[in-house]
C-alpha atoms as a PDB file:
ATOM      1  CA  MET A   1      58.910 -51.018  -4.196  1.00  0.00           C
ATOM      2  CA  PHE A   2      55.867 -50.650  -2.036  1.00  0.00           C
ATOM      3  CA  SER A   3      53.713 -54.224  -1.961  1.00  0.00           C
ATOM      4  CA  TRP A   4      50.260 -54.961  -0.107  1.00  0.00           C
ATOM      5  CA  GLN A   5      47.426 -55.847  -0.754  1.00  0.00           C
ATOM      6  CA  VAL A   6      43.752 -53.862   0.297  1.00  0.00           C
ATOM      7  CA  SER A   7      40.568 -54.524  -0.369  1.00  0.00           C
ATOM      8  CA  MET A   8      39.598 -51.667  -2.738  1.00  0.00           C
ATOM      9  CA  LYS A   9      36.815 -50.194  -5.308  1.00  0.00           C
ATOM     10  CA  PRO A  10      38.153 -51.123  -8.765  1.00  0.00           C
ATOM     11  CA  ASN A  11      38.466 -47.657  -9.686  1.00  0.00           C
ATOM     12  CA  TYR A  12      41.423 -46.898  -6.708  1.00  0.00           C
ATOM     13  CA  LEU A  13      43.306 -49.045  -7.567  1.00  0.00           C
ATOM     14  CA  PRO A  14      45.343 -47.248 -10.088  1.00  0.00           C
ATOM     15  CA  MET A  15      45.791 -44.329  -8.407  1.00  0.00           C
ATOM     16  CA  LEU A  16      47.273 -46.857  -5.355  1.00  0.00           C
ATOM     17  CA  LEU A  17      50.052 -48.489  -7.426  1.00  0.00           C
ATOM     18  CA  LEU A  18      50.969 -45.258  -9.526  1.00  0.00           C
ATOM     19  CA  ALA A  19      51.436 -43.341  -6.414  1.00  0.00           C
ATOM     20  CA  CYS A  20      52.962 -46.141  -4.235  1.00  0.00           C
ATOM     21  CA  LEU A  21      50.266 -44.178  -1.253  1.00  0.00           C
ATOM     22  CA  VAL A  22      51.311 -47.231   1.618  1.00  0.00           C
ATOM     23  CA  GLY A  23      54.811 -46.887   3.711  1.00  0.00           C
ATOM     24  CA  CYS A  24      55.627 -46.424   7.227  1.00  0.00           C
ATOM     25  CA  THR A  25      56.253 -42.317   6.867  1.00  0.00           C
ATOM     26  CA  HIS A  26      54.502 -40.180   5.350  1.00  0.00           C
ATOM     27  CA  PRO A  27      55.298 -36.749   4.501  1.00  0.00           C
ATOM     28  CA  ILE A  28      52.914 -33.662   3.881  1.00  0.00           C
ATOM     29  CA  GLU A  29      53.518 -30.644   2.736  1.00  0.00           C
ATOM     30  CA  ILE A  30      51.497 -27.648   1.979  1.00  0.00           C
ATOM     31  CA  ALA A  31      51.543 -25.340  -1.784  1.00  0.00           C
ATOM     32  CA  GLY A  32      50.300 -21.989  -1.447  1.00  0.00           C
ATOM     33  CA  GLU A  33      48.940 -20.920   2.343  1.00  0.00           C
ATOM     34  CA  GLY A  34      47.065 -23.064   3.894  1.00  0.00           C
ATOM     35  CA  ASP A  35      47.206 -25.473   6.300  1.00  0.00           C
ATOM     36  CA  ILE A  36      45.714 -29.447   7.003  1.00  0.00           C
ATOM     37  CA  ARG A  37      43.254 -30.738  10.059  1.00  0.00           C
ATOM     38  CA  SER A  38      43.277 -34.625  10.183  1.00  0.00           C
ATOM     39  CA  SER A  39      40.610 -36.093  11.514  1.00  0.00           C
ATOM     40  CA  SER A  40      42.417 -37.401  13.930  1.00  0.00           C
ATOM     41  CA  GLY A  41      44.024 -33.919  15.662  1.00  0.00           C
ATOM     42  CA  GLN A  42      47.531 -35.769  15.019  1.00  0.00           C
ATOM     43  CA  HIS A  43      48.571 -34.902  12.247  1.00  0.00           C
ATOM     44  CA  ASP A  44      47.792 -31.472  11.389  1.00  0.00           C
ATOM     45  CA  CYS A  45      49.831 -29.443   9.090  1.00  0.00           C
ATOM     46  CA  LEU A  46      50.154 -25.474   9.859  1.00  0.00           C
ATOM     47  CA  LEU A  47      51.339 -23.706   7.142  1.00  0.00           C
ATOM     48  CA  GLU A  48      54.698 -22.679   9.300  1.00  0.00           C
ATOM     49  CA  GLU A  49      55.186 -26.077  10.218  1.00  0.00           C
ATOM     50  CA  GLN A  50      55.399 -28.161   6.941  1.00  0.00           C
ATOM     51  CA  PRO A  51      56.806 -30.074   5.597  1.00  0.00           C
ATOM     52  CA  CYS A  52      55.238 -31.698   8.496  1.00  0.00           C
ATOM     53  CA  GLU A  53      54.441 -36.252   8.748  1.00  0.00           C
ATOM     54  CA  ALA A  54      52.725 -39.318   9.996  1.00  0.00           C
ATOM     55  CA  VAL A  55      54.673 -42.501  11.040  1.00  0.00           C
ATOM     56  CA  ALA A  56      51.791 -44.859  10.617  1.00  0.00           C
ATOM     57  CA  VAL A  57      52.929 -47.972  12.992  1.00  0.00           C
ATOM     58  CA  GLY A  58      49.794 -49.762  12.915  1.00  0.00           C
ATOM     59  CA  ALA A  59      46.547 -49.074  10.733  1.00  0.00           C
ATOM     60  CA  TYR A  60      46.550 -45.805   8.902  1.00  0.00           C
ATOM     61  CA  ASN A  61      43.154 -43.885   9.129  1.00  0.00           C
ATOM     62  CA  GLU A  62      42.772 -40.552   8.723  1.00  0.00           C
ATOM     63  CA  ASP A  63      41.273 -38.103   6.366  1.00  0.00           C
ATOM     64  CA  TYR A  64      42.606 -34.548   6.061  1.00  0.00           C
ATOM     65  CA  ARG A  65      40.759 -31.554   5.230  1.00  0.00           C
ATOM     66  CA  PRO A  66      42.501 -27.940   3.646  1.00  0.00           C
ATOM     67  CA  GLU A  67      41.977 -24.945   5.995  1.00  0.00           C
ATOM     68  CA  PRO A  68      42.851 -21.967   3.144  1.00  0.00           C
ATOM     69  CA  ARG A  69      44.392 -18.973   4.507  1.00  0.00           C
ATOM     70  CA  SER A  70      42.671 -15.419   4.312  1.00  0.00           C
ATOM     71  CA  GLY A  71      42.405 -14.790   0.132  1.00  0.00           C
ATOM     72  CA  PHE A  72      43.307 -17.774  -0.663  1.00  0.00           C
ATOM     73  CA  GLN A  73      41.961 -20.768  -1.991  1.00  0.00           C
ATOM     74  CA  PHE A  74      42.067 -24.757  -1.995  1.00  0.00           C
ATOM     75  CA  VAL A  75      42.539 -26.102  -5.618  1.00  0.00           C
ATOM     76  CA  GLY A  76      43.349 -29.760  -5.281  1.00  0.00           C
ATOM     77  CA  TRP A  77      45.538 -32.596  -3.613  1.00  0.00           C
ATOM     78  CA  GLN A  78      49.053 -34.148  -4.746  1.00  0.00           C
ATOM     79  CA  ASN A  79      49.052 -37.994  -4.365  1.00  0.00           C
ATOM     80  CA  CYS A  80      46.037 -38.672  -2.454  1.00  0.00           C
ATOM     81  CA  LEU A  81      44.593 -42.131  -1.942  1.00  0.00           C
ATOM     82  CA  SER A  82      40.534 -41.584  -2.193  1.00  0.00           C
ATOM     83  CA  GLN A  83      39.146 -37.676  -2.192  1.00  0.00           C
ATOM     84  CA  GLN A  84      36.155 -37.449  -0.695  1.00  0.00           C
ATOM     85  CA  GLY A  85      34.320 -33.613  -1.086  1.00  0.00           C
ATOM     86  CA  GLU A  86      37.078 -31.633  -0.754  1.00  0.00           C
ATOM     87  CA  SER A  87      38.636 -34.150   1.660  1.00  0.00           C
ATOM     88  CA  CYS A  88      41.741 -36.484   1.301  1.00  0.00           C
ATOM     89  CA  VAL A  89      41.183 -39.785   3.362  1.00  0.00           C
ATOM     90  CA  PHE A  90      43.580 -42.974   3.905  1.00  0.00           C
ATOM     91  CA  ASN A  91      41.880 -45.889   5.218  1.00  0.00           C
ATOM     92  CA  VAL A  92      45.156 -48.609   5.086  1.00  0.00           C
ATOM     93  CA  PRO A  93      44.772 -51.855   6.890  1.00  0.00           C
ATOM     94  CA  ALA A  94      48.159 -52.535   9.558  1.00  0.00           C
ATOM     95  CA  ASP A  95      49.601 -55.952   7.559  1.00  0.00           C
ATOM     96  CA  ALA A  96      49.884 -53.057   4.319  1.00  0.00           C
ATOM     97  CA  VAL A  97      51.553 -51.230   6.691  1.00  0.00           C
ATOM     98  CA  PHE A  98      53.850 -53.787   8.098  1.00  0.00           C
ATOM     99  CA  LYS A  99      54.708 -55.027   4.151  1.00  0.00           C
ATOM    100  CA  ASN A 100      55.859 -51.689   3.384  1.00  0.00           C
ATOM    101  CA  TRP A 101      57.844 -50.844   7.211  1.00  0.00           C
ATOM    102  CA  GLY A 102      60.395 -48.462   7.293  1.00  0.00           C
ATOM    103  CA  LYS A 103      59.825 -46.923   3.419  1.00  0.00           C
ATOM    104  CA  THR A 104      58.908 -43.507   2.839  1.00  0.00           C
ATOM    105  CA  MET A 105      55.613 -42.442   0.783  1.00  0.00           C
ATOM    106  CA  PRO A 106      55.334 -39.338  -2.197  1.00  0.00           C
ATOM    107  CA  PRO A 107      54.503 -36.676  -0.227  1.00  0.00           C
ATOM    108  CA  LEU A 108      50.620 -35.554   0.312  1.00  0.00           C
ATOM    109  CA  VAL A 109      50.763 -31.811  -0.533  1.00  0.00           C
ATOM    110  CA  ALA A 110      47.569 -29.872  -0.424  1.00  0.00           C
ATOM    111  CA  LYS A 111      47.247 -27.056  -3.131  1.00  0.00           C
ATOM    112  CA  PHE A 112      45.784 -23.265  -2.177  1.00  0.00           C
ATOM    113  CA  ALA A 113      45.828 -20.311  -4.688  1.00  0.00           C
ATOM    114  CA  PRO A 114      45.376 -16.861  -4.669  1.00  0.00           C
ATOM    115  CA  LEU A 115      41.296 -16.300  -4.245  1.00  0.00           C
ATOM    116  CA  CYS A 116      41.911 -13.353  -7.140  1.00  0.00           C
ATOM    117  CA  GLU A 117      44.318 -10.703  -8.488  1.00  0.00           C
ATOM    118  CA  ALA A 118      43.528  -7.351  -7.189  1.00  0.00           C
ATOM    119  CA  ALA A 119      41.182  -5.038  -8.779  1.00  0.00           C
ATOM    120  CA  PRO A 120      42.018  -1.501 -10.045  1.00  0.00           C
ATOM    121  CA  ALA A 121      39.751   1.559  -8.996  1.00  0.00           C
ATOM    122  CA  ALA A 122      36.995   1.497 -10.993  1.00  0.00           C
ATOM    123  CA  SER A 123      34.853  -0.655 -13.334  1.00  0.00           C
ATOM    124  CA  PHE A 124      35.804   0.251 -16.440  1.00  0.00           C
ATOM    125  CA  ALA A 125      39.906  -0.296 -15.569  1.00  0.00           C
ATOM    126  CA  ALA A 126      39.254  -3.212 -14.962  1.00  0.00           C
ATOM    127  CA  ILE A 127      37.350  -3.995 -18.379  1.00  0.00           C
ATOM    128  CA  GLN A 128      40.491  -2.496 -19.455  1.00  0.00           C
ATOM    129  CA  THR A 129      42.967  -4.467 -17.768  1.00  0.00           C
ATOM    130  CA  VAL A 130      41.061  -7.988 -18.124  1.00  0.00           C
ATOM    131  CA  ILE A 131      39.304  -7.451 -21.852  1.00  0.00           C
ATOM    132  CA  PHE A 132      40.567  -5.162 -23.582  1.00  0.00           C
ATOM    133  CA  ASN A 133      44.630  -5.480 -23.146  1.00  0.00           C
ATOM    134  CA  GLY A 134      43.843  -8.852 -21.965  1.00  0.00           C
ATOM    135  CA  LYS A 135      42.817  -9.663 -25.274  1.00  0.00           C
ATOM    136  CA  GLY A 136      45.094  -8.272 -27.417  1.00  0.00           C
ATOM    137  CA  CYS A 137      42.506  -6.120 -28.498  1.00  0.00           C
ATOM    138  CA  SER A 138      44.312  -2.719 -27.588  1.00  0.00           C
ATOM    139  CA  ASN A 139      47.565  -4.073 -29.728  1.00  0.00           C
ATOM    140  CA  ASN A 140      49.099  -2.491 -32.458  1.00  0.00           C
ATOM    141  CA  GLY A 141      47.893  -4.298 -35.383  1.00  0.00           C
ATOM    142  CA  CYS A 142      44.329  -4.553 -34.056  1.00  0.00           C
ATOM    143  CA  HIS A 143      42.865  -2.091 -31.851  1.00  0.00           C
ATOM    144  CA  GLY A 144      45.914  -0.070 -30.948  1.00  0.00           C
ATOM    145  CA  GLY A 145      49.144   1.589 -32.642  1.00  0.00           C
ATOM    146  CA  SER A 146      48.625   5.230 -35.377  1.00  0.00           C
ATOM    147  CA  GLN A 147      46.152   3.137 -37.242  1.00  0.00           C
ATOM    148  CA  PRO A 148      43.994   1.460 -35.356  1.00  0.00           C
ATOM    149  CA  ALA A 149      41.571  -0.547 -36.988  1.00  0.00           C
ATOM    150  CA  ASN A 150      38.054   1.310 -37.502  1.00  0.00           C
ATOM    151  CA  GLY A 151      39.302   4.318 -36.246  1.00  0.00           C
ATOM    152  CA  MET A 152      38.358   2.510 -32.459  1.00  0.00           C
ATOM    153  CA  ASN A 153      41.354   2.764 -30.666  1.00  0.00           C
ATOM    154  CA  LEU A 154      40.892   0.331 -27.482  1.00  0.00           C
ATOM    155  CA  THR A 155      44.685   1.009 -25.548  1.00  0.00           C
ATOM    156  CA  THR A 156      44.513   2.511 -21.933  1.00  0.00           C
ATOM    157  CA  GLY A 157      43.539   6.469 -21.593  1.00  0.00           C
ATOM    158  CA  LYS A 158      41.777   6.616 -25.017  1.00  0.00           C
ATOM    159  CA  ALA A 159      39.259   3.499 -25.090  1.00  0.00           C
ATOM    160  CA  TYR A 160      36.192   5.256 -23.370  1.00  0.00           C
ATOM    161  CA  ALA A 161      35.688   8.117 -25.473  1.00  0.00           C
ATOM    162  CA  ALA A 162      35.999   5.609 -28.269  1.00  0.00           C
ATOM    163  CA  ILE A 163      33.464   3.913 -27.815  1.00  0.00           C
ATOM    164  CA  VAL A 164      31.101   4.989 -24.927  1.00  0.00           C
ATOM    165  CA  ASN A 165      28.065   7.369 -27.275  1.00  0.00           C
ATOM    166  CA  ALA A 166      30.357   6.672 -30.299  1.00  0.00           C
ATOM    167  CA  ASN A 167      29.164   5.635 -33.592  1.00  0.00           C
ATOM    168  CA  ALA A 168      30.295   2.210 -34.822  1.00  0.00           C
ATOM    169  CA  ARG A 169      30.965   2.998 -38.562  1.00  0.00           C
ATOM    170  CA  ALA A 170      29.638  -0.736 -39.654  1.00  0.00           C
ATOM    171  CA  GLY A 171      27.251  -0.736 -37.240  1.00  0.00           C
ATOM    172  CA  GLY A 172      24.076   0.237 -39.178  1.00  0.00           C
ATOM    173  CA  GLY A 173      23.551   3.113 -36.328  1.00  0.00           C
ATOM    174  CA  LEU A 174      24.053   1.321 -33.604  1.00  0.00           C
ATOM    175  CA  LYS A 175      26.692   2.944 -30.929  1.00  0.00           C
ATOM    176  CA  ARG A 176      29.385   0.859 -30.394  1.00  0.00           C
ATOM    177  CA  VAL A 177      28.583   0.897 -26.746  1.00  0.00           C
ATOM    178  CA  LEU A 178      24.653   2.552 -25.684  1.00  0.00           C
ATOM    179  CA  PRO A 179      24.929   3.082 -21.631  1.00  0.00           C
ATOM    180  CA  THR A 180      22.218   0.856 -20.533  1.00  0.00           C
ATOM    181  CA  ASP A 181      22.021  -1.245 -22.959  1.00  0.00           C
ATOM    182  CA  ALA A 182      24.744  -4.012 -23.892  1.00  0.00           C
ATOM    183  CA  GLU A 183      22.100  -5.788 -26.206  1.00  0.00           C
ATOM    184  CA  ASN A 184      21.361  -2.584 -28.197  1.00  0.00           C
ATOM    185  CA  SER A 185      26.133  -2.484 -28.212  1.00  0.00           C
ATOM    186  CA  PHE A 186      27.710  -3.063 -31.407  1.00  0.00           C
ATOM    187  CA  LEU A 187      30.557  -3.696 -29.467  1.00  0.00           C
ATOM    188  CA  TYR A 188      29.207  -5.819 -26.952  1.00  0.00           C
ATOM    189  CA  GLN A 189      27.920  -7.606 -30.094  1.00  0.00           C
ATOM    190  CA  LYS A 190      31.026  -7.719 -31.455  1.00  0.00           C
ATOM    191  CA  VAL A 191      31.909 -10.353 -28.779  1.00  0.00           C
ATOM    192  CA  ALA A 192      29.294 -11.869 -28.162  1.00  0.00           C
ATOM    193  CA  ALA A 193      29.105 -13.252 -31.804  1.00  0.00           C
ATOM    194  CA  ARG A 194      32.253 -14.718 -31.123  1.00  0.00           C
ATOM    195  CA  THR A 195      31.973 -16.682 -27.583  1.00  0.00           C
ATOM    196  CA  ASN A 196      28.160 -17.257 -28.107  1.00  0.00           C
ATOM    197  CA  PRO A 197      28.633 -17.615 -32.673  1.00  0.00           C
ATOM    198  CA  GLY A 198      24.552 -16.553 -33.783  1.00  0.00           C
ATOM    199  CA  SER A 199      23.773 -14.621 -30.833  1.00  0.00           C
ATOM    200  CA  PHE A 200      23.722 -12.041 -33.100  1.00  0.00           C
ATOM    201  CA  ARG A 201      23.698 -10.912 -36.696  1.00  0.00           C
ATOM    202  CA  ILE A 202      26.457  -8.705 -37.363  1.00  0.00           C
ATOM    203  CA  ALA A 203      28.134  -6.613 -40.507  1.00  0.00           C
ATOM    204  CA  GLY A 204      32.206  -8.453 -40.551  1.00  0.00           C
ATOM    205  CA  SER A 205      33.931 -10.662 -37.861  1.00  0.00           C
ATOM    206  CA  PRO A 206      32.635 -11.729 -34.488  1.00  0.00           C
ATOM    207  CA  MET A 207      35.240 -10.101 -31.952  1.00  0.00           C
ATOM    208  CA  PRO A 208      38.507 -10.550 -30.993  1.00  0.00           C
ATOM    209  CA  LEU A 209      39.346 -11.500 -34.174  1.00  0.00           C
ATOM    210  CA  THR A 210      42.865 -13.929 -33.128  1.00  0.00           C
ATOM    211  CA  GLY A 211      43.341 -15.612 -29.936  1.00  0.00           C
ATOM    212  CA  THR A 212      40.576 -16.967 -27.353  1.00  0.00           C
ATOM    213  CA  ALA A 213      36.898 -15.577 -27.341  1.00  0.00           C
ATOM    214  CA  LEU A 214      35.373 -13.232 -24.548  1.00  0.00           C
ATOM    215  CA  SER A 215      34.605 -16.439 -21.675  1.00  0.00           C
ATOM    216  CA  ALA A 216      31.229 -16.359 -20.234  1.00  0.00           C
ATOM    217  CA  ASN A 217      32.026 -14.606 -17.012  1.00  0.00           C
ATOM    218  CA  GLN A 218      34.116 -11.700 -18.643  1.00  0.00           C
ATOM    219  CA  LEU A 219      30.745 -11.252 -21.951  1.00  0.00           C
ATOM    220  CA  ALA A 220      28.664 -10.871 -18.651  1.00  0.00           C
ATOM    221  CA  ALA A 221      30.785  -8.461 -17.035  1.00  0.00           C
ATOM    222  CA  LEU A 222      31.414  -6.014 -20.288  1.00  0.00           C
ATOM    223  CA  ALA A 223      27.095  -6.064 -20.711  1.00  0.00           C
ATOM    224  CA  LEU A 224      26.622  -5.584 -16.667  1.00  0.00           C
ATOM    225  CA  TRP A 225      28.801  -2.735 -16.914  1.00  0.00           C
ATOM    226  CA  ILE A 226      27.247  -1.320 -19.852  1.00  0.00           C
ATOM    227  CA  ASP A 227      23.802  -1.388 -18.577  1.00  0.00           C
ATOM    228  CA  ALA A 228      24.765   0.136 -15.084  1.00  0.00           C
ATOM    229  CA  GLY A 229      25.398   2.702 -17.595  1.00  0.00           C
ATOM    230  CA  ALA A 230      29.478   2.393 -18.887  1.00  0.00           C
ATOM    231  CA  PRO A 231      30.689   5.148 -15.744  1.00  0.00           C
ATOM    232  CA  GLU A 232      33.832   5.474 -16.913  1.00  0.00           C
ATOM    233  CA  PHE A 233      35.491   6.444 -13.053  1.00  0.00           C
ATOM    234  CA  GLY A 234      34.663   4.949  -9.830  1.00  0.00           C
ATOM    235  CA  ARG A 235      32.360   1.886  -8.793  1.00  0.00           C
ATOM    236  CA  ALA A 236      28.974   1.366  -7.384  1.00  0.00           C
ATOM    237  CA  ASP A 237      27.614  -0.973  -5.308  1.00  0.00           C
ATOM    238  CA  GLU A 238      26.002  -2.810  -7.991  1.00  0.00           C
ATOM    239  CA  LEU A 239      29.211  -3.101 -10.535  1.00  0.00           C
ATOM    240  CA  ASN A 240      31.357  -5.417  -7.623  1.00  0.00           C
ATOM    241  CA  GLU A 241      29.789  -8.241  -9.676  1.00  0.00           C
ATOM    242  CA  VAL A 242      31.552  -7.252 -12.115  1.00  0.00           C
ATOM    243  CA  GLU A 243      35.390  -7.091 -10.533  1.00  0.00           C
ATOM    244  CA  ARG A 244      33.929 -11.147  -9.825  1.00  0.00           C
ATOM    245  CA  LEU A 245      33.241 -12.191 -13.196  1.00  0.00           C
ATOM    246  CA  LEU A 246      36.396 -10.685 -14.548  1.00  0.00           C
ATOM    247  CA  GLY A 247      38.411 -12.504 -11.765  1.00  0.00           C
ATOM    248  CA  LEU A 248      38.971  -9.556 -10.009  1.00  0.00           C
ATOM    249  CA  CYS A 249      39.109  -8.616  -6.255  1.00  0.00           C
ATOM    250  CA  ASN A 250      37.641  -5.714  -5.136  1.00  0.00           C
ATOM    251  CA  PRO A 251      39.726  -3.606  -2.876  1.00  0.00           C
END
């Protein structure tokens, strides 16, 4: 057991007691792809060199800063004494270190995750992947299989023809997708009514009927694609935002 007295704000005390954050040896690790830089420069930890360690022989005062590698982002620390912004700060007096001489602290871990997944070559393909397939809209029993609901087949290769400039059976004269006009596209209204209840008065139930609603970003991506003309192939510069909103990377 670690035992020490450290003067600090009360809200940091439970974190200290739980994580046993003072010791003679302090392992430092990296999850994902990135590096850790220390304010002293003596305890830097590079991805290729980890696991690393810091050895406290007196007062332990160090600020650790995460540096993501290309294509990755910093997502948080594990076993951090005090986080300030993205930095993890250790300010431990010498007497607290001496009381725990020869002991090993739980490892400080910097966690990195990929920025996003690779995007398809076309904005509509991204919508197909993330929304129609990802939300289960193209599943059998919904808008897939031999008898898709309302004759609207949302499976890969068939969805575009089924929605763009196609009349909605219960849409009161609306198109399922009216290029350049998301607000007057029945498909958009149906999913928007689930994400933002009361945003549209629609026939039938908001969609998707089961599972989770489209996120605000997914809904915005669908609207952006429709308002840009609902192209089937390619991705114009103004549509790069579609992929970002869907959590995908542009190639």
